[in-house]
Amino acid sequence: MTIINTEKPILIDLPMPIETDRLIIREPRFGDGPVVNEAKAETWDMLHQWMPWAKEKSTVEDDELTMREMHVKFLQRIDFAMLAFEKETGRFVGGTGLHRFDWHSRIIEIGYWYRKSVQGKGYATEATKALIRYAFDVLDANKVIIAHAQGNEASKRVIEKAGFEFEYVAKKDALLPNGELVDHPFYCLFDANHLRDFNVTWGGQND
């Protein structure tokens, strides 16, 4: 387990990448903007329906700027946005990450989106299970939370397949790109015991 320096989190060494049977998951890097932009364009209709940040289409330059900002935040241990790539092809398949992490309470939230052409292949569930293990086994999390906008049934299925337990509904809490406020069901986990047989490694070493 990683030594957690809650007073100086920038000194925490985080083993990367995270690997599953089919995916390599790593921090954003300089130069990732074009592949992210391509995937967002392919998936725009879905993103624009559910993701609060997907209000207007972005340019390659916009996404490259975002990747560089995310890279810096990862280095500063402020936020852990990550990108998932298909092992077999190297193709970028989606964005995920561990967000809103409080180093003292060690509560963290998982988020994700996956490009349209790979949806239905189980990549979202696979990556989410990997991040659950990483949060508890590497970051020593006390609680991992995840949520979806009411009506997003695809996201709900991923959450259920990953083994999360329903916790509560925040009424009119999720802001959609069109400005509509909808309910926000939250789910949680307090350990990763149900995933002990799930195949995941990090930092190039066996877990």
N, C-alpha and C. Protein backbone atom coordinates (compact mmCIF):
# COMPACT_ATOMS: atom_id res chain seq x y z
N MET A 1 0.84 -1.20 0.00
CA MET A 1 0.00 0.00 0.00
C MET A 1 0.87 1.24 0.00
N THR A 2 0.46 2.26 -0.75
CA THR A 2 1.18 3.52 -0.82
C THR A 2 1.15 4.23 0.52
N ILE A 3 2.31 4.83 0.91
CA ILE A 3 2.33 5.63 2.13
C ILE A 3 1.62 6.95 1.85
N ILE A 4 0.59 7.25 2.64
CA ILE A 4 -0.24 8.43 2.40
C ILE A 4 0.23 9.58 3.29
N ASN A 5 0.82 10.59 2.67
CA ASN A 5 1.23 11.81 3.37
C ASN A 5 0.12 12.83 3.20
N THR A 6 -0.78 12.88 4.16
CA THR A 6 -1.96 13.75 4.01
C THR A 6 -1.62 15.23 4.07
N GLU A 7 -0.50 15.58 4.65
CA GLU A 7 -0.12 16.99 4.74
C GLU A 7 0.59 17.46 3.48
N LYS A 8 1.30 16.57 2.80
CA LYS A 8 2.03 16.93 1.58
C LYS A 8 1.76 15.87 0.51
N PRO A 9 0.52 15.83 0.02
CA PRO A 9 0.16 14.76 -0.93
C PRO A 9 0.96 14.79 -2.22
N ILE A 10 1.57 15.93 -2.57
CA ILE A 10 2.35 15.99 -3.80
C ILE A 10 3.54 15.03 -3.74
N LEU A 11 3.94 14.62 -2.54
CA LEU A 11 5.06 13.70 -2.36
C LEU A 11 4.65 12.23 -2.49
N ILE A 12 3.36 11.98 -2.63
CA ILE A 12 2.89 10.60 -2.71
C ILE A 12 3.22 10.02 -4.08
N ASP A 13 3.86 8.86 -4.08
CA ASP A 13 4.17 8.16 -5.32
C ASP A 13 3.00 7.25 -5.69
N LEU A 14 2.44 7.45 -6.87
CA LEU A 14 1.31 6.65 -7.31
C LEU A 14 1.74 5.75 -8.46
N PRO A 15 1.65 4.43 -8.28
CA PRO A 15 2.07 3.50 -9.34
C PRO A 15 1.13 3.56 -10.54
N MET A 16 1.72 3.75 -11.70
CA MET A 16 0.99 3.81 -12.96
C MET A 16 1.77 3.00 -13.99
N PRO A 17 1.13 2.46 -15.03
CA PRO A 17 -0.31 2.50 -15.29
C PRO A 17 -1.05 1.42 -14.51
N ILE A 18 -2.36 1.46 -14.61
CA ILE A 18 -3.22 0.39 -14.09
C ILE A 18 -3.55 -0.51 -15.28
N GLU A 19 -3.41 -1.83 -15.09
CA GLU A 19 -3.66 -2.75 -16.20
C GLU A 19 -4.68 -3.82 -15.81
N THR A 20 -5.61 -4.07 -16.71
CA THR A 20 -6.57 -5.17 -16.57
C THR A 20 -6.33 -6.13 -17.74
N ASP A 21 -7.19 -7.09 -17.89
CA ASP A 21 -7.01 -8.05 -18.98
C ASP A 21 -7.02 -7.37 -20.34
N ARG A 22 -7.84 -6.32 -20.50
CA ARG A 22 -7.99 -5.72 -21.82
C ARG A 22 -7.59 -4.26 -21.90
N LEU A 23 -7.33 -3.63 -20.76
CA LEU A 23 -7.14 -2.18 -20.74
C LEU A 23 -5.84 -1.76 -20.08
N ILE A 24 -5.32 -0.63 -20.55
CA ILE A 24 -4.26 0.10 -19.86
C ILE A 24 -4.84 1.46 -19.48
N ILE A 25 -4.80 1.79 -18.21
CA ILE A 25 -5.38 3.02 -17.69
C ILE A 25 -4.25 3.86 -17.10
N ARG A 26 -4.15 5.10 -17.54
CA ARG A 26 -3.06 5.95 -17.08
C ARG A 26 -3.50 7.40 -16.98
N GLU A 27 -2.61 8.21 -16.42
CA GLU A 27 -2.87 9.64 -16.29
C GLU A 27 -2.82 10.31 -17.67
N PRO A 28 -3.54 11.44 -17.85
CA PRO A 28 -3.45 12.20 -19.10
C PRO A 28 -2.04 12.74 -19.30
N ARG A 29 -1.62 12.83 -20.56
CA ARG A 29 -0.28 13.32 -20.88
C ARG A 29 -0.36 14.36 -22.00
N PHE A 30 0.69 15.14 -22.11
CA PHE A 30 0.79 16.07 -23.22
C PHE A 30 0.71 15.28 -24.52
N GLY A 31 -0.11 15.74 -25.46
CA GLY A 31 -0.26 15.06 -26.73
C GLY A 31 -1.48 14.17 -26.83
N ASP A 32 -2.23 14.02 -25.73
CA ASP A 32 -3.43 13.17 -25.74
C ASP A 32 -4.66 13.88 -26.31
N GLY A 33 -4.58 15.19 -26.51
CA GLY A 33 -5.75 15.94 -26.96
C GLY A 33 -6.40 15.43 -28.24
N PRO A 34 -5.64 15.11 -29.29
CA PRO A 34 -6.27 14.67 -30.54
C PRO A 34 -7.09 13.40 -30.42
N VAL A 35 -6.59 12.39 -29.69
CA VAL A 35 -7.35 11.13 -29.59
C VAL A 35 -8.59 11.31 -28.73
N VAL A 36 -8.49 12.16 -27.71
CA VAL A 36 -9.66 12.44 -26.88
C VAL A 36 -10.71 13.20 -27.70
N ASN A 37 -10.27 14.17 -28.47
CA ASN A 37 -11.19 14.94 -29.29
C ASN A 37 -11.92 14.06 -30.29
N GLU A 38 -11.20 13.13 -30.91
CA GLU A 38 -11.82 12.21 -31.87
C GLU A 38 -12.91 11.38 -31.21
N ALA A 39 -12.62 10.85 -30.01
CA ALA A 39 -13.59 10.01 -29.30
C ALA A 39 -14.80 10.83 -28.86
N LYS A 40 -14.57 12.06 -28.42
CA LYS A 40 -15.68 12.92 -28.02
C LYS A 40 -16.59 13.24 -29.19
N ALA A 41 -15.99 13.51 -30.36
CA ALA A 41 -16.78 13.81 -31.55
C ALA A 41 -17.65 12.62 -31.94
N GLU A 42 -17.08 11.43 -31.85
CA GLU A 42 -17.81 10.20 -32.18
C GLU A 42 -18.99 9.97 -31.24
N THR A 43 -18.85 10.42 -30.00
CA THR A 43 -19.81 10.10 -28.94
C THR A 43 -20.62 11.32 -28.52
N TRP A 44 -20.56 12.40 -29.30
CA TRP A 44 -21.09 13.68 -28.86
C TRP A 44 -22.55 13.63 -28.45
N ASP A 45 -23.39 12.95 -29.22
CA ASP A 45 -24.82 12.93 -28.90
C ASP A 45 -25.08 12.42 -27.49
N MET A 46 -24.35 11.38 -27.08
CA MET A 46 -24.52 10.81 -25.74
C MET A 46 -23.91 11.73 -24.68
N LEU A 47 -22.73 12.24 -24.95
CA LEU A 47 -22.09 13.14 -23.98
C LEU A 47 -22.93 14.38 -23.76
N HIS A 48 -23.45 14.93 -24.85
CA HIS A 48 -24.24 16.16 -24.77
C HIS A 48 -25.57 15.92 -24.06
N GLN A 49 -25.99 14.69 -23.97
CA GLN A 49 -27.23 14.38 -23.25
C GLN A 49 -27.00 14.28 -21.75
N TRP A 50 -25.83 13.74 -21.32
CA TRP A 50 -25.66 13.40 -19.91
C TRP A 50 -24.53 14.11 -19.18
N MET A 51 -23.47 14.47 -19.86
CA MET A 51 -22.30 14.99 -19.16
C MET A 51 -22.38 16.51 -18.97
N PRO A 52 -22.33 17.00 -17.76
CA PRO A 52 -22.50 18.44 -17.52
C PRO A 52 -21.45 19.30 -18.21
N TRP A 53 -20.27 18.73 -18.50
CA TRP A 53 -19.21 19.49 -19.15
C TRP A 53 -19.36 19.51 -20.67
N ALA A 54 -20.27 18.70 -21.22
CA ALA A 54 -20.41 18.57 -22.68
C ALA A 54 -21.48 19.52 -23.20
N LYS A 55 -21.26 20.81 -23.05
CA LYS A 55 -22.24 21.81 -23.49
C LYS A 55 -21.99 22.24 -24.93
N GLU A 56 -20.72 22.39 -25.29
CA GLU A 56 -20.36 22.79 -26.64
C GLU A 56 -19.22 21.91 -27.13
N LYS A 57 -19.21 21.63 -28.43
CA LYS A 57 -18.15 20.81 -28.99
C LYS A 57 -16.80 21.52 -28.85
N SER A 58 -15.79 20.74 -28.52
CA SER A 58 -14.46 21.30 -28.31
C SER A 58 -13.57 21.07 -29.53
N THR A 59 -12.55 21.88 -29.64
CA THR A 59 -11.55 21.71 -30.69
C THR A 59 -10.43 20.81 -30.17
N VAL A 60 -9.56 20.38 -31.09
CA VAL A 60 -8.38 19.61 -30.68
C VAL A 60 -7.54 20.43 -29.70
N GLU A 61 -7.42 21.72 -29.97
CA GLU A 61 -6.63 22.58 -29.08
C GLU A 61 -7.27 22.65 -27.69
N ASP A 62 -8.61 22.75 -27.64
CA ASP A 62 -9.31 22.77 -26.36
C ASP A 62 -8.99 21.52 -25.55
N ASP A 63 -9.07 20.36 -26.21
CA ASP A 63 -8.87 19.11 -25.50
C ASP A 63 -7.41 18.89 -25.13
N GLU A 64 -6.50 19.38 -25.96
CA GLU A 64 -5.09 19.30 -25.59
C GLU A 64 -4.82 20.16 -24.35
N LEU A 65 -5.41 21.34 -24.29
CA LEU A 65 -5.28 22.19 -23.11
C LEU A 65 -5.82 21.47 -21.88
N THR A 66 -6.99 20.84 -22.02
CA THR A 66 -7.58 20.12 -20.89
C THR A 66 -6.69 18.97 -20.44
N MET A 67 -6.11 18.22 -21.38
CA MET A 67 -5.22 17.12 -21.02
C MET A 67 -4.00 17.62 -20.27
N ARG A 68 -3.46 18.74 -20.69
CA ARG A 68 -2.29 19.29 -20.00
C ARG A 68 -2.65 19.77 -18.60
N GLU A 69 -3.82 20.38 -18.47
CA GLU A 69 -4.26 20.82 -17.13
C GLU A 69 -4.50 19.61 -16.23
N MET A 70 -5.10 18.55 -16.78
CA MET A 70 -5.34 17.34 -16.00
C MET A 70 -4.02 16.67 -15.59
N HIS A 71 -3.05 16.72 -16.49
CA HIS A 71 -1.73 16.16 -16.18
C HIS A 71 -1.11 16.87 -14.98
N VAL A 72 -1.20 18.19 -14.98
CA VAL A 72 -0.64 18.97 -13.88
C VAL A 72 -1.37 18.66 -12.57
N LYS A 73 -2.70 18.57 -12.63
CA LYS A 73 -3.47 18.26 -11.42
C LYS A 73 -3.13 16.87 -10.89
N PHE A 74 -2.86 15.94 -11.80
CA PHE A 74 -2.45 14.61 -11.36
C PHE A 74 -1.12 14.69 -10.63
N LEU A 75 -0.16 15.43 -11.18
CA LEU A 75 1.15 15.57 -10.54
C LEU A 75 1.03 16.24 -9.18
N GLN A 76 0.10 17.17 -9.07
CA GLN A 76 -0.10 17.89 -7.80
C GLN A 76 -0.93 17.09 -6.81
N ARG A 77 -1.45 15.95 -7.27
CA ARG A 77 -2.32 15.08 -6.44
C ARG A 77 -3.60 15.80 -6.03
N ILE A 78 -4.12 16.63 -6.96
CA ILE A 78 -5.36 17.35 -6.73
C ILE A 78 -6.55 16.58 -7.27
N ASP A 79 -6.36 15.96 -8.44
CA ASP A 79 -7.42 15.20 -9.08
C ASP A 79 -6.77 14.13 -9.94
N PHE A 80 -7.46 12.98 -10.07
CA PHE A 80 -6.86 11.87 -10.79
C PHE A 80 -7.68 11.49 -12.01
N ALA A 81 -7.76 12.40 -12.98
CA ALA A 81 -8.36 12.04 -14.26
C ALA A 81 -7.46 11.00 -14.92
N MET A 82 -8.07 10.03 -15.62
CA MET A 82 -7.30 8.97 -16.28
C MET A 82 -7.91 8.65 -17.63
N LEU A 83 -7.10 8.06 -18.49
CA LEU A 83 -7.52 7.66 -19.82
C LEU A 83 -7.36 6.15 -19.94
N ALA A 84 -8.33 5.52 -20.60
CA ALA A 84 -8.30 4.07 -20.80
C ALA A 84 -8.01 3.76 -22.26
N PHE A 85 -7.06 2.83 -22.48
CA PHE A 85 -6.66 2.43 -23.82
C PHE A 85 -6.81 0.91 -23.96
N GLU A 86 -7.21 0.49 -25.14
CA GLU A 86 -7.33 -0.93 -25.44
C GLU A 86 -5.93 -1.53 -25.56
N LYS A 87 -5.66 -2.59 -24.80
CA LYS A 87 -4.33 -3.20 -24.82
C LYS A 87 -3.97 -3.71 -26.21
N GLU A 88 -4.90 -4.37 -26.85
CA GLU A 88 -4.61 -5.04 -28.12
C GLU A 88 -4.27 -4.07 -29.24
N THR A 89 -4.94 -2.92 -29.26
CA THR A 89 -4.77 -1.98 -30.37
C THR A 89 -4.11 -0.67 -29.99
N GLY A 90 -4.09 -0.34 -28.69
CA GLY A 90 -3.59 0.96 -28.25
C GLY A 90 -4.58 2.08 -28.43
N ARG A 91 -5.78 1.77 -28.87
CA ARG A 91 -6.79 2.77 -29.15
C ARG A 91 -7.37 3.36 -27.87
N PHE A 92 -7.54 4.69 -27.85
CA PHE A 92 -8.19 5.34 -26.72
C PHE A 92 -9.67 4.97 -26.71
N VAL A 93 -10.16 4.47 -25.57
CA VAL A 93 -11.56 4.02 -25.50
C VAL A 93 -12.42 4.85 -24.57
N GLY A 94 -11.82 5.59 -23.63
CA GLY A 94 -12.67 6.38 -22.76
C GLY A 94 -11.93 7.08 -21.64
N GLY A 95 -12.64 8.01 -21.04
CA GLY A 95 -12.11 8.76 -19.91
C GLY A 95 -12.70 8.26 -18.61
N THR A 96 -11.88 8.22 -17.58
CA THR A 96 -12.35 7.79 -16.27
C THR A 96 -11.54 8.54 -15.22
N GLY A 97 -11.58 8.12 -14.00
CA GLY A 97 -10.76 8.78 -13.00
C GLY A 97 -11.32 8.71 -11.59
N LEU A 98 -10.50 9.17 -10.67
CA LEU A 98 -10.85 9.25 -9.25
C LEU A 98 -10.85 10.73 -8.90
N HIS A 99 -12.01 11.22 -8.49
CA HIS A 99 -12.21 12.67 -8.37
C HIS A 99 -12.65 13.08 -6.96
N ARG A 100 -12.49 14.39 -6.70
CA ARG A 100 -12.95 15.00 -5.44
C ARG A 100 -12.43 14.22 -4.23
N PHE A 101 -11.15 13.92 -4.27
CA PHE A 101 -10.54 13.12 -3.19
C PHE A 101 -10.13 14.00 -2.03
N ASP A 102 -10.59 13.66 -0.86
CA ASP A 102 -10.19 14.34 0.36
C ASP A 102 -9.13 13.47 1.05
N TRP A 103 -7.91 13.99 1.15
CA TRP A 103 -6.82 13.17 1.67
C TRP A 103 -6.98 12.83 3.15
N HIS A 104 -7.79 13.60 3.87
CA HIS A 104 -7.97 13.32 5.30
C HIS A 104 -9.09 12.30 5.53
N SER A 105 -10.24 12.52 4.92
CA SER A 105 -11.33 11.54 5.08
C SER A 105 -11.13 10.34 4.17
N ARG A 106 -10.35 10.53 3.12
CA ARG A 106 -10.08 9.50 2.11
C ARG A 106 -11.38 8.94 1.53
N ILE A 107 -12.23 9.88 1.12
CA ILE A 107 -13.45 9.55 0.36
C ILE A 107 -13.21 10.01 -1.08
N ILE A 108 -13.53 9.17 -2.04
CA ILE A 108 -13.22 9.47 -3.44
C ILE A 108 -14.36 9.03 -4.33
N GLU A 109 -14.50 9.73 -5.47
CA GLU A 109 -15.60 9.46 -6.39
C GLU A 109 -15.07 9.01 -7.74
N ILE A 110 -15.67 8.00 -8.32
CA ILE A 110 -15.30 7.52 -9.64
C ILE A 110 -16.22 8.14 -10.69
N GLY A 111 -15.63 8.54 -11.80
CA GLY A 111 -16.42 9.03 -12.94
C GLY A 111 -15.92 8.38 -14.21
N TYR A 112 -16.72 8.42 -15.27
CA TYR A 112 -16.29 7.79 -16.51
C TYR A 112 -17.17 8.20 -17.69
N TRP A 113 -16.62 8.05 -18.90
CA TRP A 113 -17.36 8.08 -20.15
C TRP A 113 -16.58 7.24 -21.15
N TYR A 114 -17.28 6.58 -22.05
CA TYR A 114 -16.63 5.71 -23.04
C TYR A 114 -17.17 5.98 -24.43
N ARG A 115 -16.27 5.91 -25.41
CA ARG A 115 -16.64 6.25 -26.77
C ARG A 115 -17.70 5.30 -27.31
N LYS A 116 -18.52 5.81 -28.19
CA LYS A 116 -19.70 5.10 -28.68
C LYS A 116 -19.36 3.74 -29.28
N SER A 117 -18.27 3.65 -30.04
CA SER A 117 -17.95 2.43 -30.77
C SER A 117 -17.50 1.27 -29.88
N VAL A 118 -17.21 1.52 -28.60
CA VAL A 118 -16.82 0.41 -27.72
C VAL A 118 -17.86 0.12 -26.65
N GLN A 119 -18.93 0.88 -26.64
CA GLN A 119 -19.96 0.65 -25.62
C GLN A 119 -20.62 -0.71 -25.86
N GLY A 120 -20.90 -1.40 -24.77
CA GLY A 120 -21.45 -2.74 -24.86
C GLY A 120 -20.40 -3.83 -24.76
N LYS A 121 -19.12 -3.46 -24.68
CA LYS A 121 -18.05 -4.44 -24.59
C LYS A 121 -17.59 -4.68 -23.15
N GLY A 122 -18.17 -3.95 -22.21
CA GLY A 122 -17.81 -4.15 -20.81
C GLY A 122 -16.59 -3.39 -20.35
N TYR A 123 -16.07 -2.48 -21.19
CA TYR A 123 -14.88 -1.74 -20.80
C TYR A 123 -15.14 -0.82 -19.60
N ALA A 124 -16.30 -0.18 -19.56
CA ALA A 124 -16.60 0.72 -18.46
C ALA A 124 -16.63 -0.03 -17.14
N THR A 125 -17.25 -1.20 -17.13
CA THR A 125 -17.30 -2.01 -15.90
C THR A 125 -15.91 -2.49 -15.52
N GLU A 126 -15.14 -2.93 -16.50
CA GLU A 126 -13.78 -3.43 -16.24
C GLU A 126 -12.90 -2.35 -15.63
N ALA A 127 -12.94 -1.16 -16.22
CA ALA A 127 -12.12 -0.06 -15.70
C ALA A 127 -12.60 0.40 -14.33
N THR A 128 -13.91 0.41 -14.12
CA THR A 128 -14.45 0.83 -12.83
C THR A 128 -14.03 -0.13 -11.73
N LYS A 129 -14.07 -1.41 -12.01
CA LYS A 129 -13.61 -2.40 -11.01
C LYS A 129 -12.13 -2.19 -10.70
N ALA A 130 -11.34 -1.88 -11.72
CA ALA A 130 -9.91 -1.64 -11.50
C ALA A 130 -9.69 -0.42 -10.62
N LEU A 131 -10.48 0.65 -10.83
CA LEU A 131 -10.31 1.86 -10.03
C LEU A 131 -10.80 1.66 -8.59
N ILE A 132 -11.78 0.80 -8.41
CA ILE A 132 -12.21 0.46 -7.05
C ILE A 132 -11.05 -0.18 -6.30
N ARG A 133 -10.42 -1.17 -6.92
CA ARG A 133 -9.27 -1.82 -6.28
C ARG A 133 -8.15 -0.82 -6.02
N TYR A 134 -7.88 0.04 -6.99
CA TYR A 134 -6.81 1.02 -6.85
C TYR A 134 -7.10 1.99 -5.70
N ALA A 135 -8.34 2.44 -5.61
CA ALA A 135 -8.71 3.39 -4.56
C ALA A 135 -8.50 2.80 -3.17
N PHE A 136 -8.92 1.56 -2.99
CA PHE A 136 -8.79 0.95 -1.66
C PHE A 136 -7.38 0.41 -1.39
N ASP A 137 -6.77 -0.20 -2.38
CA ASP A 137 -5.49 -0.88 -2.16
C ASP A 137 -4.28 0.04 -2.26
N VAL A 138 -4.39 1.09 -3.08
CA VAL A 138 -3.26 2.01 -3.25
C VAL A 138 -3.47 3.31 -2.47
N LEU A 139 -4.65 3.91 -2.60
CA LEU A 139 -4.93 5.18 -1.95
C LEU A 139 -5.47 5.02 -0.53
N ASP A 140 -5.68 3.79 -0.11
CA ASP A 140 -6.18 3.52 1.24
C ASP A 140 -7.49 4.26 1.51
N ALA A 141 -8.39 4.24 0.52
CA ALA A 141 -9.67 4.94 0.66
C ALA A 141 -10.52 4.32 1.76
N ASN A 142 -11.30 5.16 2.41
CA ASN A 142 -12.29 4.68 3.38
C ASN A 142 -13.64 4.43 2.72
N LYS A 143 -13.89 5.17 1.64
CA LYS A 143 -15.19 5.07 0.96
C LYS A 143 -15.02 5.50 -0.49
N VAL A 144 -15.63 4.75 -1.38
CA VAL A 144 -15.65 5.11 -2.80
C VAL A 144 -17.10 5.32 -3.20
N ILE A 145 -17.37 6.45 -3.84
CA ILE A 145 -18.73 6.75 -4.25
C ILE A 145 -18.82 6.89 -5.77
N ILE A 146 -20.00 6.74 -6.29
CA ILE A 146 -20.25 6.88 -7.71
C ILE A 146 -21.71 7.29 -7.87
N ALA A 147 -22.02 8.02 -8.94
CA ALA A 147 -23.38 8.51 -9.12
C ALA A 147 -23.70 8.58 -10.61
N HIS A 148 -24.98 8.64 -10.92
CA HIS A 148 -25.40 8.84 -12.31
C HIS A 148 -26.62 9.75 -12.32
N ALA A 149 -26.78 10.46 -13.41
CA ALA A 149 -27.97 11.29 -13.57
C ALA A 149 -29.18 10.38 -13.76
N GLN A 150 -30.27 10.72 -13.08
CA GLN A 150 -31.49 9.93 -13.20
C GLN A 150 -31.89 9.79 -14.67
N GLY A 151 -32.11 8.56 -15.11
CA GLY A 151 -32.47 8.32 -16.50
C GLY A 151 -31.34 7.75 -17.33
N ASN A 152 -30.12 7.87 -16.84
CA ASN A 152 -28.97 7.32 -17.56
C ASN A 152 -28.82 5.84 -17.19
N GLU A 153 -29.59 5.01 -17.86
CA GLU A 153 -29.66 3.59 -17.51
C GLU A 153 -28.37 2.85 -17.83
N ALA A 154 -27.65 3.26 -18.87
CA ALA A 154 -26.39 2.60 -19.21
C ALA A 154 -25.38 2.78 -18.08
N SER A 155 -25.30 3.99 -17.53
CA SER A 155 -24.40 4.25 -16.43
C SER A 155 -24.83 3.48 -15.19
N LYS A 156 -26.11 3.40 -14.95
CA LYS A 156 -26.62 2.66 -13.80
C LYS A 156 -26.23 1.19 -13.88
N ARG A 157 -26.27 0.60 -15.08
CA ARG A 157 -25.90 -0.81 -15.24
C ARG A 157 -24.43 -1.04 -14.92
N VAL A 158 -23.57 -0.12 -15.32
CA VAL A 158 -22.15 -0.23 -15.00
C VAL A 158 -21.94 -0.21 -13.49
N ILE A 159 -22.61 0.70 -12.83
CA ILE A 159 -22.50 0.83 -11.38
C ILE A 159 -22.93 -0.45 -10.67
N GLU A 160 -24.02 -1.02 -11.11
CA GLU A 160 -24.53 -2.25 -10.49
C GLU A 160 -23.59 -3.42 -10.77
N LYS A 161 -23.07 -3.52 -12.00
CA LYS A 161 -22.16 -4.62 -12.33
C LYS A 161 -20.84 -4.53 -11.56
N ALA A 162 -20.44 -3.31 -11.21
CA ALA A 162 -19.21 -3.12 -10.44
C ALA A 162 -19.38 -3.44 -8.97
N GLY A 163 -20.63 -3.67 -8.54
CA GLY A 163 -20.88 -4.11 -7.17
C GLY A 163 -21.18 -3.02 -6.17
N PHE A 164 -21.49 -1.81 -6.63
CA PHE A 164 -21.80 -0.73 -5.69
C PHE A 164 -23.14 -0.95 -5.01
N GLU A 165 -23.27 -0.41 -3.82
CA GLU A 165 -24.51 -0.47 -3.05
C GLU A 165 -25.20 0.90 -3.12
N PHE A 166 -26.50 0.89 -3.36
CA PHE A 166 -27.26 2.14 -3.38
C PHE A 166 -27.22 2.80 -2.02
N GLU A 167 -27.00 4.13 -2.01
CA GLU A 167 -26.95 4.85 -0.74
C GLU A 167 -28.09 5.86 -0.60
N TYR A 168 -28.25 6.78 -1.54
CA TYR A 168 -29.32 7.78 -1.42
C TYR A 168 -29.53 8.47 -2.77
N VAL A 169 -30.59 9.26 -2.86
CA VAL A 169 -30.86 10.07 -4.04
C VAL A 169 -30.80 11.54 -3.64
N ALA A 170 -29.95 12.29 -4.32
CA ALA A 170 -29.91 13.74 -4.13
C ALA A 170 -30.90 14.36 -5.12
N LYS A 171 -31.95 14.95 -4.60
CA LYS A 171 -33.01 15.48 -5.46
C LYS A 171 -32.54 16.74 -6.22
N LYS A 172 -32.85 16.75 -7.51
CA LYS A 172 -32.53 17.90 -8.37
C LYS A 172 -31.09 18.36 -8.16
N ASP A 173 -30.17 17.42 -8.30
CA ASP A 173 -28.77 17.69 -7.97
C ASP A 173 -27.84 17.56 -9.17
N ALA A 174 -28.29 16.87 -10.24
CA ALA A 174 -27.45 16.66 -11.41
C ALA A 174 -27.87 17.63 -12.52
N LEU A 175 -26.94 18.47 -12.94
CA LEU A 175 -27.22 19.46 -13.97
C LEU A 175 -26.83 18.90 -15.33
N LEU A 176 -27.80 18.75 -16.22
CA LEU A 176 -27.55 18.25 -17.56
C LEU A 176 -27.09 19.39 -18.47
N PRO A 177 -26.45 19.07 -19.60
CA PRO A 177 -25.96 20.12 -20.50
C PRO A 177 -27.04 21.10 -20.99
N ASN A 178 -28.30 20.63 -21.06
CA ASN A 178 -29.38 21.51 -21.52
C ASN A 178 -29.92 22.41 -20.41
N GLY A 179 -29.32 22.33 -19.22
CA GLY A 179 -29.73 23.17 -18.11
C GLY A 179 -30.76 22.55 -17.20
N GLU A 180 -31.23 21.35 -17.54
CA GLU A 180 -32.24 20.67 -16.71
C GLU A 180 -31.59 20.06 -15.46
N LEU A 181 -32.26 20.19 -14.34
CA LEU A 181 -31.81 19.55 -13.10
C LEU A 181 -32.59 18.27 -12.89
N VAL A 182 -31.88 17.18 -12.70
CA VAL A 182 -32.54 15.89 -12.46
C VAL A 182 -31.98 15.29 -11.17
N ASP A 183 -32.66 14.26 -10.68
CA ASP A 183 -32.20 13.58 -9.47
C ASP A 183 -30.86 12.89 -9.73
N HIS A 184 -30.14 12.64 -8.63
CA HIS A 184 -28.77 12.14 -8.71
C HIS A 184 -28.63 10.96 -7.73
N PRO A 185 -28.88 9.72 -8.17
CA PRO A 185 -28.68 8.57 -7.27
C PRO A 185 -27.20 8.35 -6.98
N PHE A 186 -26.88 8.16 -5.71
CA PHE A 186 -25.50 7.90 -5.27
C PHE A 186 -25.38 6.47 -4.76
N TYR A 187 -24.21 5.89 -5.01
CA TYR A 187 -23.90 4.52 -4.59
C TYR A 187 -22.53 4.56 -3.90
N CYS A 188 -22.24 3.54 -3.12
CA CYS A 188 -20.97 3.56 -2.39
C CYS A 188 -20.42 2.16 -2.15
N LEU A 189 -19.15 2.13 -1.78
CA LEU A 189 -18.47 0.93 -1.32
C LEU A 189 -17.54 1.32 -0.17
N PHE A 190 -17.35 0.39 0.76
CA PHE A 190 -16.45 0.64 1.88
C PHE A 190 -15.24 -0.30 1.85
N ASP A 191 -15.19 -1.18 0.88
CA ASP A 191 -14.03 -2.04 0.67
C ASP A 191 -14.14 -2.65 -0.72
N ALA A 192 -13.09 -3.36 -1.11
CA ALA A 192 -13.07 -4.00 -2.43
C ALA A 192 -13.03 -5.53 -2.29
N ASN A 193 -13.57 -6.04 -1.20
CA ASN A 193 -13.49 -7.48 -0.94
C ASN A 193 -14.16 -8.32 -2.03
N HIS A 194 -15.20 -7.77 -2.65
CA HIS A 194 -15.91 -8.54 -3.68
C HIS A 194 -15.12 -8.61 -4.98
N LEU A 195 -13.99 -7.90 -5.05
CA LEU A 195 -13.19 -7.88 -6.27
C LEU A 195 -11.80 -8.48 -6.08
N ARG A 196 -11.63 -9.28 -5.05
CA ARG A 196 -10.31 -9.86 -4.79
C ARG A 196 -9.84 -10.77 -5.91
N ASP A 197 -10.76 -11.37 -6.65
CA ASP A 197 -10.38 -12.25 -7.75
C ASP A 197 -10.31 -11.52 -9.10
N PHE A 198 -10.57 -10.22 -9.07
CA PHE A 198 -10.52 -9.44 -10.31
C PHE A 198 -9.06 -9.19 -10.68
N ASN A 199 -8.70 -9.43 -11.93
CA ASN A 199 -7.32 -9.34 -12.38
C ASN A 199 -6.93 -7.90 -12.71
N VAL A 200 -6.16 -7.28 -11.84
CA VAL A 200 -5.68 -5.91 -12.06
C VAL A 200 -4.30 -5.76 -11.43
N THR A 201 -3.42 -5.05 -12.11
CA THR A 201 -2.11 -4.71 -11.58
C THR A 201 -1.84 -3.23 -11.80
N TRP A 202 -0.83 -2.71 -11.13
CA TRP A 202 -0.46 -1.30 -11.32
C TRP A 202 1.05 -1.13 -11.18
N GLY A 203 1.54 -0.12 -11.89
CA GLY A 203 2.97 0.19 -11.83
C GLY A 203 3.86 -0.87 -12.42
N GLY A 204 3.31 -1.75 -13.26
CA GLY A 204 4.10 -2.79 -13.87
C GLY A 204 4.43 -3.95 -12.98
N GLN A 205 3.79 -3.98 -11.80
CA GLN A 205 4.06 -5.05 -10.84
C GLN A 205 2.77 -5.81 -10.55
N ASN A 206 2.90 -7.02 -10.07
CA ASN A 206 1.72 -7.77 -9.63
C ASN A 206 1.15 -7.12 -8.39
N ASP A 207 -0.23 -7.13 -8.26
CA ASP A 207 -0.86 -6.47 -7.11
C ASP A 207 -0.71 -7.32 -5.87
